[in-house]
Amino acid sequence: MNSSSVTAVVATVAIAAASAASAAEVTYTFFLDGATGSFAGESFTDTDVSWTLFADTADVQPGSPRGFNVTPLSGEVEVGDLAAPITEALIANSAVWTYTNDSQGLRIGFGIYDPFESFTSGSYEGPLGWSMVTSFSGAAVGTESILRAVQDQGIATTAGLLIVTSYATASFTATVVPAPGVLAAIALAGLASRRRR
């Protein structure tokens, strides 16, 4: 491949990456170790529980002062070996949100808009001012429980309600997955680099 062809490939890669960079799948997962509660009417104890919200980074919006929020596209809960999608009605009326508080650090929550209520909310080890469009993982900090309405009203799934009344430890993970166009651009760039040698 001659230098002009390499330049054309690199330019194409740059354009593809720029156009795809504005959209990437992101997952926000709240983990609870050693949880107690019920799922679809069946009680559980000392069980790993999580709920994951799937979103697009292009949908993240500025929220409360020093914060951001996004309406997820879908979601699911896992209780031990069981899993179920969060209902479409709940997803359509929900948001994952964050803000930075000088005394409480990075706060992250998940809840509904109308009437406004948090299923979960707490402070986590993570970058202050986090914009919700980058990956990170951190444990809940402080002695405050992250449980809110998930204790009594529960998170609605297609299998039934998830209710969590207690847990041992909590953590949060955000994972950004590049859009297919970005992955293709990276592959093309690698191919052009190998051929140039």
N, C-alpha and C. Protein backbone atom coordinates (compact mmCIF):
# COMPACT_ATOMS: atom_id res chain seq x y z
N MET A 1 0.86 -1.18 0.00
CA MET A 1 0.00 0.00 0.00
C MET A 1 0.90 1.23 0.00
N ASN A 2 0.67 2.16 -0.97
CA ASN A 2 1.53 3.35 -1.02
C ASN A 2 1.08 4.38 0.00
N SER A 3 1.90 5.44 0.17
CA SER A 3 1.63 6.41 1.24
C SER A 3 0.32 7.15 1.03
N SER A 4 -0.07 7.41 -0.23
CA SER A 4 -1.35 8.11 -0.45
C SER A 4 -2.52 7.22 -0.08
N SER A 5 -2.39 5.90 -0.32
CA SER A 5 -3.46 4.98 0.07
C SER A 5 -3.57 4.89 1.58
N VAL A 6 -2.40 4.84 2.26
CA VAL A 6 -2.40 4.81 3.72
C VAL A 6 -3.06 6.07 4.27
N THR A 7 -2.74 7.23 3.68
CA THR A 7 -3.33 8.50 4.11
C THR A 7 -4.84 8.47 3.94
N ALA A 8 -5.31 7.91 2.80
CA ALA A 8 -6.75 7.84 2.56
C ALA A 8 -7.44 6.94 3.58
N VAL A 9 -6.80 5.79 3.91
CA VAL A 9 -7.38 4.88 4.89
C VAL A 9 -7.44 5.55 6.26
N VAL A 10 -6.35 6.21 6.65
CA VAL A 10 -6.32 6.88 7.95
C VAL A 10 -7.38 7.98 8.01
N ALA A 11 -7.56 8.72 6.92
CA ALA A 11 -8.59 9.77 6.89
C ALA A 11 -9.97 9.15 7.02
N THR A 12 -10.20 8.04 6.32
CA THR A 12 -11.49 7.36 6.42
C THR A 12 -11.73 6.87 7.84
N VAL A 13 -10.69 6.32 8.46
CA VAL A 13 -10.79 5.86 9.85
C VAL A 13 -11.14 7.01 10.76
N ALA A 14 -10.49 8.14 10.58
CA ALA A 14 -10.75 9.30 11.43
C ALA A 14 -12.19 9.78 11.31
N ILE A 15 -12.70 9.81 10.06
CA ILE A 15 -14.09 10.24 9.84
C ILE A 15 -15.05 9.26 10.47
N ALA A 16 -14.80 7.96 10.27
CA ALA A 16 -15.68 6.95 10.85
C ALA A 16 -15.68 7.02 12.36
N ALA A 17 -14.50 7.17 12.94
CA ALA A 17 -14.40 7.25 14.40
C ALA A 17 -15.11 8.48 14.93
N ALA A 18 -14.96 9.60 14.24
CA ALA A 18 -15.61 10.84 14.69
C ALA A 18 -17.12 10.73 14.64
N SER A 19 -17.64 10.11 13.57
CA SER A 19 -19.09 10.01 13.44
C SER A 19 -19.67 9.02 14.43
N ALA A 20 -18.90 7.97 14.76
CA ALA A 20 -19.41 6.96 15.67
C ALA A 20 -19.14 7.28 17.13
N ALA A 21 -18.19 8.18 17.37
CA ALA A 21 -17.79 8.46 18.75
C ALA A 21 -18.91 9.07 19.57
N SER A 22 -19.89 9.68 18.92
CA SER A 22 -20.97 10.33 19.65
C SER A 22 -21.99 9.32 20.18
N ALA A 23 -21.85 8.05 19.77
CA ALA A 23 -22.81 7.06 20.22
C ALA A 23 -22.07 5.81 20.67
N ALA A 24 -22.32 5.41 21.90
CA ALA A 24 -21.73 4.17 22.42
C ALA A 24 -22.69 3.60 23.44
N GLU A 25 -22.75 2.28 23.51
CA GLU A 25 -23.57 1.64 24.52
C GLU A 25 -22.87 1.74 25.86
N VAL A 26 -23.63 2.03 26.89
CA VAL A 26 -23.08 2.09 28.23
C VAL A 26 -24.01 1.32 29.17
N THR A 27 -23.42 0.56 30.06
CA THR A 27 -24.21 -0.15 31.07
C THR A 27 -23.86 0.39 32.44
N TYR A 28 -24.88 0.57 33.26
CA TYR A 28 -24.72 1.02 34.64
C TYR A 28 -25.24 -0.09 35.54
N THR A 29 -24.38 -0.69 36.35
CA THR A 29 -24.78 -1.83 37.16
C THR A 29 -24.56 -1.54 38.64
N PHE A 30 -25.61 -1.75 39.42
CA PHE A 30 -25.56 -1.65 40.87
C PHE A 30 -25.47 -3.08 41.42
N PHE A 31 -24.40 -3.39 42.15
CA PHE A 31 -24.17 -4.72 42.71
C PHE A 31 -24.39 -4.70 44.22
N LEU A 32 -25.05 -5.75 44.73
CA LEU A 32 -25.19 -5.95 46.17
C LEU A 32 -24.72 -7.35 46.50
N ASP A 33 -23.76 -7.46 47.39
CA ASP A 33 -23.30 -8.77 47.86
C ASP A 33 -24.01 -9.10 49.16
N GLY A 34 -24.34 -10.39 49.34
CA GLY A 34 -24.94 -10.84 50.59
C GLY A 34 -26.29 -10.21 50.86
N ALA A 35 -27.12 -10.12 49.83
CA ALA A 35 -28.41 -9.44 49.96
C ALA A 35 -29.51 -10.37 50.47
N THR A 36 -30.50 -9.74 51.11
CA THR A 36 -31.70 -10.42 51.58
C THR A 36 -32.91 -9.71 51.01
N GLY A 37 -33.93 -10.48 50.64
CA GLY A 37 -35.15 -9.87 50.10
C GLY A 37 -36.02 -10.91 49.43
N SER A 38 -36.71 -10.49 48.36
CA SER A 38 -37.55 -11.43 47.61
C SER A 38 -37.55 -11.06 46.14
N PHE A 39 -37.73 -12.06 45.31
CA PHE A 39 -37.80 -11.87 43.86
C PHE A 39 -38.95 -12.71 43.33
N ALA A 40 -39.91 -12.05 42.72
CA ALA A 40 -41.11 -12.72 42.19
C ALA A 40 -41.80 -13.54 43.28
N GLY A 41 -41.81 -12.98 44.50
CA GLY A 41 -42.51 -13.62 45.60
C GLY A 41 -41.72 -14.69 46.34
N GLU A 42 -40.51 -15.01 45.86
CA GLU A 42 -39.67 -16.03 46.51
C GLU A 42 -38.57 -15.34 47.31
N SER A 43 -38.45 -15.70 48.59
CA SER A 43 -37.46 -15.08 49.45
C SER A 43 -36.05 -15.58 49.13
N PHE A 44 -35.07 -14.71 49.37
CA PHE A 44 -33.67 -15.11 49.25
C PHE A 44 -32.87 -14.46 50.38
N THR A 45 -31.76 -15.09 50.74
CA THR A 45 -30.85 -14.55 51.74
C THR A 45 -29.42 -14.78 51.28
N ASP A 46 -28.52 -13.90 51.73
CA ASP A 46 -27.09 -14.03 51.44
C ASP A 46 -26.85 -14.34 49.95
N THR A 47 -27.45 -13.51 49.10
CA THR A 47 -27.43 -13.74 47.65
C THR A 47 -26.87 -12.51 46.95
N ASP A 48 -26.12 -12.75 45.87
CA ASP A 48 -25.64 -11.64 45.04
C ASP A 48 -26.79 -11.14 44.17
N VAL A 49 -27.01 -9.82 44.20
CA VAL A 49 -28.11 -9.20 43.45
C VAL A 49 -27.55 -8.02 42.67
N SER A 50 -28.07 -7.81 41.48
CA SER A 50 -27.68 -6.62 40.71
C SER A 50 -28.83 -6.17 39.83
N TRP A 51 -28.81 -4.90 39.49
CA TRP A 51 -29.69 -4.41 38.43
C TRP A 51 -28.84 -3.56 37.50
N THR A 52 -29.03 -3.80 36.21
CA THR A 52 -28.23 -3.16 35.16
C THR A 52 -29.15 -2.37 34.25
N LEU A 53 -28.74 -1.15 33.95
CA LEU A 53 -29.47 -0.29 33.02
C LEU A 53 -28.62 -0.08 31.79
N PHE A 54 -29.20 -0.26 30.60
CA PHE A 54 -28.50 -0.11 29.33
C PHE A 54 -28.90 1.22 28.71
N ALA A 55 -27.92 2.00 28.27
CA ALA A 55 -28.21 3.32 27.71
C ALA A 55 -27.25 3.64 26.57
N ASP A 56 -27.47 4.80 25.96
CA ASP A 56 -26.60 5.31 24.91
C ASP A 56 -25.94 6.57 25.43
N THR A 57 -24.63 6.66 25.29
CA THR A 57 -23.92 7.84 25.82
C THR A 57 -24.42 9.13 25.18
N ALA A 58 -24.95 9.05 23.95
CA ALA A 58 -25.46 10.25 23.28
C ALA A 58 -26.69 10.81 23.98
N ASP A 59 -27.35 10.00 24.81
CA ASP A 59 -28.57 10.43 25.50
C ASP A 59 -28.31 11.05 26.87
N VAL A 60 -27.06 11.02 27.33
CA VAL A 60 -26.74 11.59 28.65
C VAL A 60 -26.91 13.10 28.61
N GLN A 61 -27.58 13.64 29.63
CA GLN A 61 -27.89 15.07 29.70
C GLN A 61 -27.36 15.67 31.00
N PRO A 62 -27.03 16.97 30.99
CA PRO A 62 -26.73 17.64 32.27
C PRO A 62 -27.95 17.58 33.17
N GLY A 63 -27.73 17.36 34.45
CA GLY A 63 -28.84 17.27 35.38
C GLY A 63 -28.76 18.30 36.47
N SER A 64 -28.86 17.84 37.72
CA SER A 64 -28.77 18.75 38.85
C SER A 64 -27.39 19.39 38.85
N PRO A 65 -27.19 20.45 39.62
CA PRO A 65 -25.87 21.08 39.65
C PRO A 65 -24.76 20.05 39.83
N ARG A 66 -23.76 20.12 38.93
CA ARG A 66 -22.62 19.21 38.95
C ARG A 66 -23.06 17.76 38.77
N GLY A 67 -24.11 17.54 37.98
CA GLY A 67 -24.60 16.19 37.77
C GLY A 67 -25.09 15.93 36.37
N PHE A 68 -25.44 14.66 36.11
CA PHE A 68 -25.91 14.22 34.81
C PHE A 68 -27.00 13.18 35.01
N ASN A 69 -27.77 12.91 33.94
CA ASN A 69 -28.77 11.85 34.00
C ASN A 69 -29.02 11.29 32.61
N VAL A 70 -29.58 10.09 32.56
CA VAL A 70 -29.92 9.46 31.29
C VAL A 70 -31.12 8.54 31.51
N THR A 71 -32.02 8.53 30.54
CA THR A 71 -33.12 7.58 30.54
C THR A 71 -32.61 6.30 29.87
N PRO A 72 -32.65 5.18 30.57
CA PRO A 72 -32.13 3.95 29.96
C PRO A 72 -33.02 3.46 28.81
N LEU A 73 -32.43 2.62 27.96
CA LEU A 73 -33.16 2.00 26.86
C LEU A 73 -33.80 0.69 27.31
N SER A 74 -33.17 0.03 28.27
CA SER A 74 -33.69 -1.22 28.82
C SER A 74 -32.95 -1.51 30.11
N GLY A 75 -33.35 -2.59 30.77
CA GLY A 75 -32.68 -2.96 32.02
C GLY A 75 -33.01 -4.38 32.41
N GLU A 76 -32.25 -4.92 33.33
CA GLU A 76 -32.50 -6.26 33.83
C GLU A 76 -32.01 -6.38 35.26
N VAL A 77 -32.57 -7.34 35.97
CA VAL A 77 -32.10 -7.65 37.32
C VAL A 77 -31.58 -9.07 37.33
N GLU A 78 -30.62 -9.33 38.21
CA GLU A 78 -30.11 -10.68 38.43
C GLU A 78 -30.12 -10.95 39.92
N VAL A 79 -30.65 -12.11 40.26
CA VAL A 79 -30.69 -12.54 41.66
C VAL A 79 -30.13 -13.95 41.69
N GLY A 80 -28.88 -14.08 42.15
CA GLY A 80 -28.23 -15.39 42.06
C GLY A 80 -28.15 -15.82 40.60
N ASP A 81 -28.72 -16.98 40.29
CA ASP A 81 -28.71 -17.50 38.92
C ASP A 81 -29.94 -17.08 38.12
N LEU A 82 -30.84 -16.32 38.71
CA LEU A 82 -32.07 -15.91 38.03
C LEU A 82 -31.91 -14.51 37.44
N ALA A 83 -32.59 -14.26 36.32
CA ALA A 83 -32.54 -12.94 35.69
C ALA A 83 -33.87 -12.66 35.03
N ALA A 84 -34.20 -11.37 34.94
CA ALA A 84 -35.43 -10.96 34.26
C ALA A 84 -35.30 -9.51 33.81
N PRO A 85 -35.92 -9.16 32.68
CA PRO A 85 -35.92 -7.76 32.22
C PRO A 85 -36.75 -6.88 33.15
N ILE A 86 -36.31 -5.66 33.33
CA ILE A 86 -37.14 -4.65 34.00
C ILE A 86 -38.27 -4.28 33.04
N THR A 87 -39.45 -4.03 33.56
CA THR A 87 -40.60 -3.77 32.68
C THR A 87 -40.39 -2.51 31.83
N GLU A 88 -40.96 -2.52 30.63
CA GLU A 88 -40.84 -1.38 29.73
C GLU A 88 -41.45 -0.12 30.33
N ALA A 89 -42.56 -0.28 31.05
CA ALA A 89 -43.23 0.88 31.65
C ALA A 89 -42.32 1.55 32.68
N LEU A 90 -41.64 0.77 33.48
CA LEU A 90 -40.73 1.35 34.47
C LEU A 90 -39.55 2.02 33.78
N ILE A 91 -38.97 1.35 32.80
CA ILE A 91 -37.82 1.92 32.08
C ILE A 91 -38.18 3.27 31.46
N ALA A 92 -39.35 3.36 30.86
CA ALA A 92 -39.77 4.59 30.17
C ALA A 92 -39.91 5.76 31.12
N ASN A 93 -40.13 5.49 32.41
CA ASN A 93 -40.34 6.55 33.40
C ASN A 93 -39.15 6.67 34.36
N SER A 94 -37.98 6.14 33.96
CA SER A 94 -36.87 6.08 34.89
C SER A 94 -35.64 6.83 34.40
N ALA A 95 -34.67 6.97 35.29
CA ALA A 95 -33.39 7.59 34.94
C ALA A 95 -32.31 7.06 35.87
N VAL A 96 -31.11 6.99 35.34
CA VAL A 96 -29.91 6.84 36.14
C VAL A 96 -29.35 8.24 36.26
N TRP A 97 -28.93 8.64 37.45
CA TRP A 97 -28.50 10.02 37.65
C TRP A 97 -27.27 10.07 38.55
N THR A 98 -26.59 11.19 38.49
CA THR A 98 -25.44 11.39 39.35
C THR A 98 -25.28 12.88 39.65
N TYR A 99 -24.64 13.16 40.76
CA TYR A 99 -24.17 14.52 41.04
C TYR A 99 -23.02 14.44 42.02
N THR A 100 -22.24 15.49 42.06
CA THR A 100 -21.10 15.54 42.97
C THR A 100 -21.42 16.50 44.10
N ASN A 101 -21.28 16.00 45.32
CA ASN A 101 -21.55 16.79 46.51
C ASN A 101 -20.24 16.90 47.28
N ASP A 102 -19.88 18.12 47.68
CA ASP A 102 -18.58 18.33 48.34
C ASP A 102 -18.42 17.48 49.60
N SER A 103 -19.50 17.26 50.33
CA SER A 103 -19.38 16.49 51.57
C SER A 103 -19.60 15.00 51.35
N GLN A 104 -20.34 14.62 50.30
CA GLN A 104 -20.68 13.22 50.08
C GLN A 104 -19.98 12.61 48.87
N GLY A 105 -19.21 13.40 48.12
CA GLY A 105 -18.49 12.89 46.96
C GLY A 105 -19.40 12.60 45.78
N LEU A 106 -19.08 11.53 45.05
CA LEU A 106 -19.86 11.15 43.87
C LEU A 106 -21.09 10.35 44.30
N ARG A 107 -22.27 10.90 44.00
CA ARG A 107 -23.52 10.22 44.32
C ARG A 107 -24.16 9.72 43.04
N ILE A 108 -24.65 8.47 43.08
CA ILE A 108 -25.26 7.85 41.91
C ILE A 108 -26.56 7.20 42.35
N GLY A 109 -27.58 7.33 41.52
CA GLY A 109 -28.87 6.74 41.84
C GLY A 109 -29.61 6.26 40.62
N PHE A 110 -30.69 5.54 40.88
CA PHE A 110 -31.60 5.05 39.85
C PHE A 110 -33.00 5.18 40.41
N GLY A 111 -33.90 5.79 39.64
CA GLY A 111 -35.26 5.96 40.13
C GLY A 111 -36.21 6.35 39.04
N ILE A 112 -37.42 6.75 39.45
CA ILE A 112 -38.46 7.12 38.50
C ILE A 112 -38.73 8.63 38.59
N TYR A 113 -39.27 9.15 37.48
CA TYR A 113 -39.57 10.58 37.39
C TYR A 113 -40.89 10.95 38.05
N ASP A 114 -41.95 10.17 37.79
CA ASP A 114 -43.30 10.60 38.16
C ASP A 114 -44.06 9.47 38.84
N PRO A 115 -44.27 9.55 40.17
CA PRO A 115 -43.75 10.59 41.05
C PRO A 115 -42.27 10.34 41.31
N PHE A 116 -41.47 11.40 41.49
CA PHE A 116 -40.04 11.23 41.64
C PHE A 116 -39.74 10.38 42.87
N GLU A 117 -38.98 9.32 42.65
CA GLU A 117 -38.61 8.45 43.75
C GLU A 117 -37.36 7.66 43.36
N SER A 118 -36.43 7.51 44.28
CA SER A 118 -35.21 6.75 44.03
C SER A 118 -35.38 5.31 44.50
N PHE A 119 -35.05 4.36 43.62
CA PHE A 119 -34.96 2.96 44.05
C PHE A 119 -33.68 2.76 44.84
N THR A 120 -32.62 3.46 44.41
CA THR A 120 -31.33 3.37 45.07
C THR A 120 -30.61 4.70 44.94
N SER A 121 -29.81 5.03 45.94
CA SER A 121 -29.03 6.26 45.92
C SER A 121 -27.92 6.14 46.95
N GLY A 122 -26.70 6.53 46.57
CA GLY A 122 -25.61 6.47 47.52
C GLY A 122 -24.34 7.08 46.98
N SER A 123 -23.33 7.16 47.82
CA SER A 123 -22.03 7.71 47.44
C SER A 123 -21.09 6.56 47.09
N TYR A 124 -20.28 6.78 46.05
CA TYR A 124 -19.39 5.73 45.57
C TYR A 124 -17.99 6.26 45.36
N GLU A 125 -17.00 5.36 45.47
CA GLU A 125 -15.64 5.70 45.09
C GLU A 125 -15.62 5.88 43.58
N GLY A 126 -15.30 7.07 43.13
CA GLY A 126 -15.30 7.33 41.70
C GLY A 126 -14.90 8.75 41.42
N PRO A 127 -14.72 9.08 40.14
CA PRO A 127 -14.25 10.42 39.78
C PRO A 127 -15.31 11.49 40.07
N LEU A 128 -14.94 12.51 40.82
CA LEU A 128 -15.86 13.60 41.10
C LEU A 128 -16.22 14.30 39.80
N GLY A 129 -17.48 14.64 39.63
CA GLY A 129 -17.93 15.28 38.40
C GLY A 129 -18.06 14.30 37.26
N TRP A 130 -18.09 13.00 37.54
CA TRP A 130 -18.20 11.97 36.50
C TRP A 130 -19.37 12.27 35.56
N SER A 131 -19.11 12.21 34.26
CA SER A 131 -20.10 12.63 33.26
C SER A 131 -20.96 11.50 32.71
N MET A 132 -20.84 10.29 33.25
CA MET A 132 -21.64 9.12 32.87
C MET A 132 -21.31 8.55 31.49
N VAL A 133 -20.26 9.04 30.84
CA VAL A 133 -19.93 8.54 29.50
C VAL A 133 -18.57 7.84 29.46
N THR A 134 -18.00 7.55 30.62
CA THR A 134 -16.74 6.82 30.70
C THR A 134 -16.91 5.65 31.67
N SER A 135 -16.05 4.66 31.54
CA SER A 135 -16.11 3.48 32.39
C SER A 135 -15.43 3.72 33.73
N PHE A 136 -15.97 3.14 34.78
CA PHE A 136 -15.29 3.08 36.07
C PHE A 136 -16.03 2.11 36.98
N SER A 137 -15.37 1.69 38.03
CA SER A 137 -15.98 0.80 39.00
C SER A 137 -15.55 1.23 40.39
N GLY A 138 -16.51 1.27 41.33
CA GLY A 138 -16.16 1.70 42.68
C GLY A 138 -17.14 1.17 43.71
N ALA A 139 -16.66 1.04 44.92
CA ALA A 139 -17.50 0.56 46.03
C ALA A 139 -18.29 1.71 46.62
N ALA A 140 -19.43 1.38 47.24
CA ALA A 140 -20.18 2.37 48.00
C ALA A 140 -19.34 2.78 49.19
N VAL A 141 -19.41 4.05 49.54
CA VAL A 141 -18.62 4.55 50.66
C VAL A 141 -19.54 5.09 51.76
N GLY A 142 -19.03 5.09 52.97
CA GLY A 142 -19.81 5.59 54.10
C GLY A 142 -20.70 4.50 54.68
N THR A 143 -21.40 4.86 55.73
CA THR A 143 -22.26 3.91 56.42
C THR A 143 -23.71 3.98 55.96
N GLU A 144 -24.04 4.94 55.09
CA GLU A 144 -25.41 5.11 54.60
C GLU A 144 -25.81 3.94 53.70
N SER A 145 -27.02 3.42 53.89
CA SER A 145 -27.54 2.38 53.01
C SER A 145 -27.86 3.00 51.65
N ILE A 146 -27.58 2.26 50.57
CA ILE A 146 -27.95 2.76 49.24
C ILE A 146 -29.39 2.43 48.90
N LEU A 147 -30.06 1.65 49.77
CA LEU A 147 -31.43 1.23 49.49
C LEU A 147 -32.42 2.35 49.76
N ARG A 148 -33.32 2.54 48.83
CA ARG A 148 -34.42 3.49 49.00
C ARG A 148 -35.72 2.72 48.75
N ALA A 149 -36.43 3.03 47.67
CA ALA A 149 -37.73 2.40 47.42
C ALA A 149 -37.63 0.92 47.05
N VAL A 150 -36.42 0.44 46.70
CA VAL A 150 -36.28 -0.99 46.41
C VAL A 150 -36.58 -1.83 47.65
N GLN A 151 -36.55 -1.20 48.85
CA GLN A 151 -36.85 -1.92 50.09
C GLN A 151 -38.32 -2.25 50.25
N ASP A 152 -39.19 -1.37 49.76
CA ASP A 152 -40.62 -1.61 49.98
C ASP A 152 -41.41 -1.70 48.68
N GLN A 153 -41.19 -0.78 47.74
CA GLN A 153 -41.96 -0.83 46.50
C GLN A 153 -41.36 -1.80 45.48
N GLY A 154 -40.05 -1.97 45.51
CA GLY A 154 -39.40 -2.93 44.64
C GLY A 154 -39.23 -2.43 43.21
N ILE A 155 -38.38 -3.12 42.47
CA ILE A 155 -38.16 -2.85 41.05
C ILE A 155 -38.99 -3.85 40.25
N ALA A 156 -39.86 -3.35 39.38
CA ALA A 156 -40.76 -4.22 38.62
C ALA A 156 -40.04 -4.88 37.46
N THR A 157 -40.14 -6.20 37.38
CA THR A 157 -39.58 -6.95 36.26
C THR A 157 -40.70 -7.78 35.63
N THR A 158 -40.40 -8.39 34.49
CA THR A 158 -41.41 -9.23 33.82
C THR A 158 -41.70 -10.50 34.62
N ALA A 159 -40.81 -10.84 35.57
CA ALA A 159 -41.03 -12.03 36.40
C ALA A 159 -41.72 -11.68 37.72
N GLY A 160 -41.75 -10.40 38.08
CA GLY A 160 -42.31 -9.96 39.35
C GLY A 160 -41.39 -8.96 40.01
N LEU A 161 -41.72 -8.57 41.23
CA LEU A 161 -40.96 -7.53 41.92
C LEU A 161 -39.65 -8.04 42.51
N LEU A 162 -38.61 -7.19 42.43
CA LEU A 162 -37.38 -7.41 43.18
C LEU A 162 -37.42 -6.46 44.37
N ILE A 163 -37.38 -7.03 45.55
CA ILE A 163 -37.33 -6.25 46.79
C ILE A 163 -36.08 -6.66 47.55
N VAL A 164 -35.28 -5.68 47.96
CA VAL A 164 -34.07 -5.95 48.73
C VAL A 164 -34.19 -5.20 50.05
N THR A 165 -34.06 -5.93 51.15
CA THR A 165 -34.22 -5.32 52.47
C THR A 165 -32.90 -5.07 53.18
N SER A 166 -31.84 -5.80 52.78
CA SER A 166 -30.53 -5.58 53.38
C SER A 166 -29.46 -6.17 52.46
N TYR A 167 -28.19 -5.79 52.74
CA TYR A 167 -27.07 -6.32 51.95
C TYR A 167 -25.81 -6.15 52.79
N ALA A 168 -24.75 -6.86 52.37
CA ALA A 168 -23.47 -6.75 53.08
C ALA A 168 -22.62 -5.63 52.52
N THR A 169 -22.37 -5.64 51.21
CA THR A 169 -21.59 -4.58 50.56
C THR A 169 -22.25 -4.21 49.24
N ALA A 170 -21.94 -2.99 48.78
CA ALA A 170 -22.52 -2.50 47.52
C ALA A 170 -21.42 -1.89 46.67
N SER A 171 -21.60 -1.97 45.36
CA SER A 171 -20.66 -1.35 44.43
C SER A 171 -21.39 -0.97 43.15
N PHE A 172 -20.69 -0.23 42.30
CA PHE A 172 -21.28 0.26 41.06
C PHE A 172 -20.25 0.15 39.95
N THR A 173 -20.69 -0.25 38.76
CA THR A 173 -19.80 -0.32 37.61
C THR A 173 -20.47 0.31 36.40
N ALA A 174 -19.74 1.17 35.71
CA ALA A 174 -20.17 1.71 34.43
C ALA A 174 -19.22 1.17 33.37
N THR A 175 -19.78 0.62 32.31
CA THR A 175 -18.97 0.04 31.24
C THR A 175 -19.42 0.61 29.90
N VAL A 176 -18.50 1.28 29.21
CA VAL A 176 -18.80 1.85 27.90
C VAL A 176 -18.27 0.91 26.82
N VAL A 177 -19.14 0.55 25.88
CA VAL A 177 -18.78 -0.34 24.77
C VAL A 177 -18.80 0.49 23.49
N PRO A 178 -17.66 0.61 22.80
CA PRO A 178 -17.65 1.42 21.57
C PRO A 178 -18.69 0.92 20.57
N ALA A 179 -19.27 1.86 19.83
CA ALA A 179 -20.23 1.51 18.78
C ALA A 179 -19.53 0.68 17.72
N PRO A 180 -20.27 -0.15 16.95
CA PRO A 180 -19.64 -0.98 15.92
C PRO A 180 -18.78 -0.18 14.94
N GLY A 181 -19.18 1.03 14.62
CA GLY A 181 -18.40 1.85 13.69
C GLY A 181 -17.03 2.19 14.24
N VAL A 182 -16.95 2.39 15.57
CA VAL A 182 -15.66 2.68 16.20
C VAL A 182 -14.77 1.46 16.15
N LEU A 183 -15.36 0.28 16.43
CA LEU A 183 -14.57 -0.95 16.38
C LEU A 183 -14.05 -1.20 14.98
N ALA A 184 -14.90 -0.95 13.96
CA ALA A 184 -14.46 -1.13 12.58
C ALA A 184 -13.34 -0.16 12.24
N ALA A 185 -13.45 1.07 12.72
CA ALA A 185 -12.42 2.07 12.45
C ALA A 185 -11.09 1.67 13.10
N ILE A 186 -11.16 1.13 14.31
CA ILE A 186 -9.94 0.69 14.99
C ILE A 186 -9.29 -0.46 14.22
N ALA A 187 -10.13 -1.39 13.73
CA ALA A 187 -9.61 -2.51 12.96
C ALA A 187 -8.95 -2.03 11.68
N LEU A 188 -9.59 -1.08 11.00
CA LEU A 188 -9.02 -0.53 9.76
C LEU A 188 -7.70 0.17 10.02
N ALA A 189 -7.63 0.90 11.11
CA ALA A 189 -6.40 1.61 11.44
C ALA A 189 -5.27 0.62 11.68
N GLY A 190 -5.59 -0.49 12.36
CA GLY A 190 -4.59 -1.50 12.60
C GLY A 190 -4.12 -2.15 11.32
N LEU A 191 -5.06 -2.42 10.40
CA LEU A 191 -4.72 -3.00 9.10
C LEU A 191 -3.81 -2.07 8.31
N ALA A 192 -4.15 -0.79 8.29
CA ALA A 192 -3.35 0.19 7.55
C ALA A 192 -1.95 0.28 8.15
N SER A 193 -1.87 0.20 9.47
CA SER A 193 -0.57 0.30 10.13
C SER A 193 0.31 -0.89 9.79
N ARG A 194 -0.31 -2.11 9.77
CA ARG A 194 0.46 -3.32 9.46
C ARG A 194 0.95 -3.30 8.02
N ARG A 195 0.12 -2.82 7.10
CA ARG A 195 0.51 -2.82 5.67
C ARG A 195 1.57 -1.77 5.38
N ARG A 196 1.61 -0.73 6.19
CA ARG A 196 2.57 0.34 5.95
C ARG A 196 3.98 -0.11 6.30
N ARG A 197 4.10 -1.10 7.21
CA ARG A 197 5.44 -1.54 7.66
C ARG A 197 6.18 -2.28 6.57
